[in-house]
PDB file of N, CA and C in Angstrom:
ATOM      1  N   UNK A   1      66.898 121.476  65.416  1.00  0.00           N
ATOM      2  CA  UNK A   1      65.724 120.814  65.752  1.00  0.00           C
ATOM      3  C   UNK A   1      64.634 121.103  65.007  1.00  0.00           C
ATOM      4  N   UNK A   2      63.902 120.227  64.557  1.00  0.00           N
ATOM      5  CA  UNK A   2      62.859 120.575  63.823  1.00  0.00           C
ATOM      6  C   UNK A   2      61.521 119.544  64.153  1.00  0.00           C
ATOM      7  N   UNK A   3      60.458 119.893  64.627  1.00  0.00           N
ATOM      8  CA  UNK A   3      59.614 118.581  64.969  1.00  0.00           C
ATOM      9  C   UNK A   3      58.022 118.773  64.666  1.00  0.00           C
ATOM     10  N   UNK A   4      57.838 117.768  63.478  1.00  0.00           N
ATOM     11  CA  UNK A   4      56.216 117.860  62.840  1.00  0.00           C
ATOM     12  C   UNK A   4      55.530 117.397  64.099  1.00  0.00           C
ATOM     13  N   UNK A   5      54.192 117.477  64.254  1.00  0.00           N
ATOM     14  CA  UNK A   5      53.445 117.302  64.809  1.00  0.00           C
ATOM     15  C   UNK A   5      54.024 115.847  65.978  1.00  0.00           C
ATOM     16  N   UNK A   6      54.854 116.001  66.444  1.00  0.00           N
ATOM     17  CA  UNK A   6      55.378 115.702  67.482  1.00  0.00           C
ATOM     18  C   UNK A   6      56.327 116.501  69.130  1.00  0.00           C
ATOM     19  N   UNK A   7      56.763 115.911  69.697  1.00  0.00           N
ATOM     20  CA  UNK A   7      56.969 116.513  70.913  1.00  0.00           C
ATOM     21  C   UNK A   7      58.030 116.734  70.749  1.00  0.00           C
ATOM     22  N   UNK A   8      58.514 117.774  71.707  1.00  0.00           N
ATOM     23  CA  UNK A   8      59.559 117.853  72.101  1.00  0.00           C
ATOM     24  C   UNK A   8      60.898 117.308  72.479  1.00  0.00           C
ATOM     25  N   UNK A   9      60.917 116.381  72.917  1.00  0.00           N
ATOM     26  CA  UNK A   9      61.785 115.524  73.417  1.00  0.00           C
ATOM     27  C   UNK A   9      63.157 115.262  72.774  1.00  0.00           C
ATOM     28  N   UNK A  10      64.454 115.531  73.216  1.00  0.00           N
ATOM     29  CA  UNK A  10      65.196 115.249  72.550  1.00  0.00           C
ATOM     30  C   UNK A  10      65.824 114.165  73.492  1.00  0.00           C
ATOM     31  N   UNK A  11      66.727 113.124  72.088  1.00  0.00           N
ATOM     32  CA  UNK A  11      67.618 111.946  72.911  1.00  0.00           C
ATOM     33  C   UNK A  11      69.110 111.970  73.019  1.00  0.00           C
ATOM     34  N   UNK A  12      70.122 111.426  73.686  1.00  0.00           N
ATOM     35  CA  UNK A  12      70.844 111.286  73.453  1.00  0.00           C
ATOM     36  C   UNK A  12      71.944 111.299  72.831  1.00  0.00           C
ATOM     37  N   UNK A  13      71.280 110.456  71.208  1.00  0.00           N
ATOM     38  CA  UNK A  13      72.416 110.282  70.544  1.00  0.00           C
ATOM     39  C   UNK A  13      71.890 111.466  69.195  1.00  0.00           C
ATOM     40  N   UNK A  14      71.481 112.042  69.540  1.00  0.00           N
ATOM     41  CA  UNK A  14      70.951 113.307  68.745  1.00  0.00           C
ATOM     42  C   UNK A  14      71.898 114.599  69.219  1.00  0.00           C
ATOM     43  N   UNK A  15      72.951 114.981  68.383  1.00  0.00           N
ATOM     44  CA  UNK A  15      73.840 116.054  68.485  1.00  0.00           C
ATOM     45  C   UNK A  15      72.748 117.703  68.714  1.00  0.00           C
ATOM     46  N   UNK A  16      72.997 118.528  70.340  1.00  0.00           N
ATOM     47  CA  UNK A  16      72.489 119.456  70.654  1.00  0.00           C
ATOM     48  C   UNK A  16      73.833 120.153  71.547  1.00  0.00           C
ATOM     49  N   UNK A  17      74.306 120.851  71.042  1.00  0.00           N
ATOM     50  CA  UNK A  17      74.831 121.423  72.373  1.00  0.00           C
ATOM     51  C   UNK A  17      76.272 120.875  72.122  1.00  0.00           C
ATOM     52  N   UNK A  18      76.765 121.007  72.911  1.00  0.00           N
ATOM     53  CA  UNK A  18      78.468 120.590  72.681  1.00  0.00           C
ATOM     54  C   UNK A  18      79.597 121.238  71.728  1.00  0.00           C
ATOM     55  N   UNK A  19      80.539 119.941  71.966  1.00  0.00           N
ATOM     56  CA  UNK A  19      81.319 119.977  70.644  1.00  0.00           C
ATOM     57  C   UNK A  19      81.301 118.796  70.126  1.00  0.00           C
ATOM     58  N   UNK A  20      81.228 119.284  68.798  1.00  0.00           N
ATOM     59  CA  UNK A  20      80.894 118.146  67.461  1.00  0.00           C
ATOM     60  C   UNK A  20      79.811 117.492  68.150  1.00  0.00           C
ATOM     61  N   UNK A  21      79.434 116.271  67.925  1.00  0.00           N
ATOM     62  CA  UNK A  21      78.112 115.624  67.741  1.00  0.00           C
ATOM     63  C   UNK A  21      78.415 114.993  69.055  1.00  0.00           C
ATOM     64  N   UNK A  22      78.995 115.082  70.524  1.00  0.00           N
ATOM     65  CA  UNK A  22      78.894 114.505  71.298  1.00  0.00           C
ATOM     66  C   UNK A  22      77.407 114.424  71.904  1.00  0.00           C
ATOM     67  N   UNK A  23      76.632 115.994  71.758  1.00  0.00           N
ATOM     68  CA  UNK A  23      75.624 116.090  72.735  1.00  0.00           C
ATOM     69  C   UNK A  23      75.881 116.578  73.773  1.00  0.00           C
ATOM     70  N   UNK A  24      76.695 116.099  74.519  1.00  0.00           N
ATOM     71  CA  UNK A  24      77.030 116.502  75.931  1.00  0.00           C
ATOM     72  C   UNK A  24      77.957 118.250  76.033  1.00  0.00           C
ATOM     73  N   UNK A  25      77.344 119.117  76.429  1.00  0.00           N
ATOM     74  CA  UNK A  25      78.122 120.683  76.466  1.00  0.00           C
ATOM     75  C   UNK A  25      77.345 121.320  77.668  1.00  0.00           C
ATOM     76  N   UNK A  26      77.839 122.410  77.848  1.00  0.00           N
ATOM     77  CA  UNK A  26      77.086 123.345  78.550  1.00  0.00           C
ATOM     78  C   UNK A  26      75.736 123.942  78.195  1.00  0.00           C
ATOM     79  N   UNK A  27      75.652 124.175  76.724  1.00  0.00           N
ATOM     80  CA  UNK A  27      74.000 124.675  76.420  1.00  0.00           C
ATOM     81  C   UNK A  27      73.172 123.369  76.253  1.00  0.00           C
ATOM     82  N   UNK A  28      73.124 122.133  76.122  1.00  0.00           N
ATOM     83  CA  UNK A  28      72.423 121.121  76.672  1.00  0.00           C
ATOM     84  C   UNK A  28      72.258 120.621  77.711  1.00  0.00           C
ATOM     85  N   UNK A  29      72.641 121.453  79.067  1.00  0.00           N
ATOM     86  CA  UNK A  29      72.098 121.037  80.588  1.00  0.00           C
ATOM     87  C   UNK A  29      70.944 121.546  80.971  1.00  0.00           C
ATOM     88  N   UNK A  30      70.251 120.705  81.095  1.00  0.00           N
ATOM     89  CA  UNK A  30      68.822 121.259  81.803  1.00  0.00           C
ATOM     90  C   UNK A  30      67.878 121.733  80.883  1.00  0.00           C
ATOM     91  N   UNK A  31      66.329 122.117  81.100  1.00  0.00           N
ATOM     92  CA  UNK A  31      65.051 122.064  80.610  1.00  0.00           C
ATOM     93  C   UNK A  31      65.165 123.768  80.167  1.00  0.00           C
ATOM     94  N   UNK A  32      65.645 124.436  81.291  1.00  0.00           N
ATOM     95  CA  UNK A  32      65.610 125.718  81.465  1.00  0.00           C
ATOM     96  C   UNK A  32      66.243 126.500  80.318  1.00  0.00           C
ATOM     97  N   UNK A  33      67.451 125.869  80.115  1.00  0.00           N
ATOM     98  CA  UNK A  33      68.572 126.075  78.717  1.00  0.00           C
ATOM     99  C   UNK A  33      68.119 125.571  77.579  1.00  0.00           C
ATOM    100  N   UNK A  34      67.201 124.876  77.370  1.00  0.00           N
ATOM    101  CA  UNK A  34      66.460 124.129  76.261  1.00  0.00           C
ATOM    102  C   UNK A  34      66.054 125.109  75.579  1.00  0.00           C
ATOM    103  N   UNK A  35      64.749 125.605  76.578  1.00  0.00           N
ATOM    104  CA  UNK A  35      63.926 126.899  76.704  1.00  0.00           C
ATOM    105  C   UNK A  35      64.736 127.977  75.894  1.00  0.00           C
ATOM    106  N   UNK A  36      65.155 128.275  76.491  1.00  0.00           N
ATOM    107  CA  UNK A  36      66.147 129.846  76.238  1.00  0.00           C
ATOM    108  C   UNK A  36      66.569 129.498  74.532  1.00  0.00           C
ATOM    109  N   UNK A  37      66.890 128.603  74.380  1.00  0.00           N
ATOM    110  CA  UNK A  37      68.023 128.313  72.963  1.00  0.00           C
ATOM    111  C   UNK A  37      66.326 127.770  71.774  1.00  0.00           C
ATOM    112  N   UNK A  38      65.204 127.649  72.220  1.00  0.00           N
ATOM    113  CA  UNK A  38      64.022 127.198  71.500  1.00  0.00           C
ATOM    114  C   UNK A  38      63.363 128.193  70.796  1.00  0.00           C
ATOM    115  N   UNK A  39      63.149 128.369  69.618  1.00  0.00           N
ATOM    116  CA  UNK A  39      61.884 129.588  69.102  1.00  0.00           C
ATOM    117  C   UNK A  39      60.996 128.492  68.956  1.00  0.00           C
ATOM    118  N   UNK A  40      60.136 128.885  69.202  1.00  0.00           N
ATOM    119  CA  UNK A  40      58.310 127.648  68.978  1.00  0.00           C
ATOM    120  C   UNK A  40      57.961 129.063  67.592  1.00  0.00           C
ATOM    121  N   UNK A  41      57.661 127.508  66.640  1.00  0.00           N
ATOM    122  CA  UNK A  41      56.941 128.105  65.690  1.00  0.00           C
ATOM    123  C   UNK A  41      55.807 127.409  65.066  1.00  0.00           C
ATOM    124  N   UNK A  42      54.373 128.233  64.334  1.00  0.00           N
ATOM    125  CA  UNK A  42      53.538 127.139  63.696  1.00  0.00           C
ATOM    126  C   UNK A  42      53.717 127.053  62.712  1.00  0.00           C
ATOM    127  N   UNK A  43      53.430 126.166  61.717  1.00  0.00           N
ATOM    128  CA  UNK A  43      53.277 126.349  60.143  1.00  0.00           C
ATOM    129  C   UNK A  43      51.518 125.938  59.708  1.00  0.00           C
ATOM    130  N   UNK A  44      51.172 126.519  59.360  1.00  0.00           N
ATOM    131  CA  UNK A  44      49.759 125.716  58.958  1.00  0.00           C
ATOM    132  C   UNK A  44      49.752 125.480  57.534  1.00  0.00           C
ATOM    133  N   UNK A  45      49.663 124.313  56.578  1.00  0.00           N
ATOM    134  CA  UNK A  45      49.123 124.274  55.222  1.00  0.00           C
ATOM    135  C   UNK A  45      48.143 123.381  54.721  1.00  0.00           C
ATOM    136  N   UNK A  46      47.280 124.107  53.861  1.00  0.00           N
ATOM    137  CA  UNK A  46      46.376 124.033  53.569  1.00  0.00           C
ATOM    138  C   UNK A  46      46.478 123.127  52.316  1.00  0.00           C
ATOM    139  N   UNK A  47      45.659 122.226  52.016  1.00  0.00           N
ATOM    140  CA  UNK A  47      46.110 121.592  50.768  1.00  0.00           C
ATOM    141  C   UNK A  47      44.916 120.575  50.141  1.00  0.00           C
TER     142      UNK A  47
END
């Protein structure tokens, strides 16, 4: 998942973890697992 100038809220219809595009699975249960599999990065562009 990539969010630009947006919060990190996930929605149920977005595939994240689980099998195929279900969005339901062991890796998508709970806030602590989301933090474990998330790498926070910042990119700054000057235009």
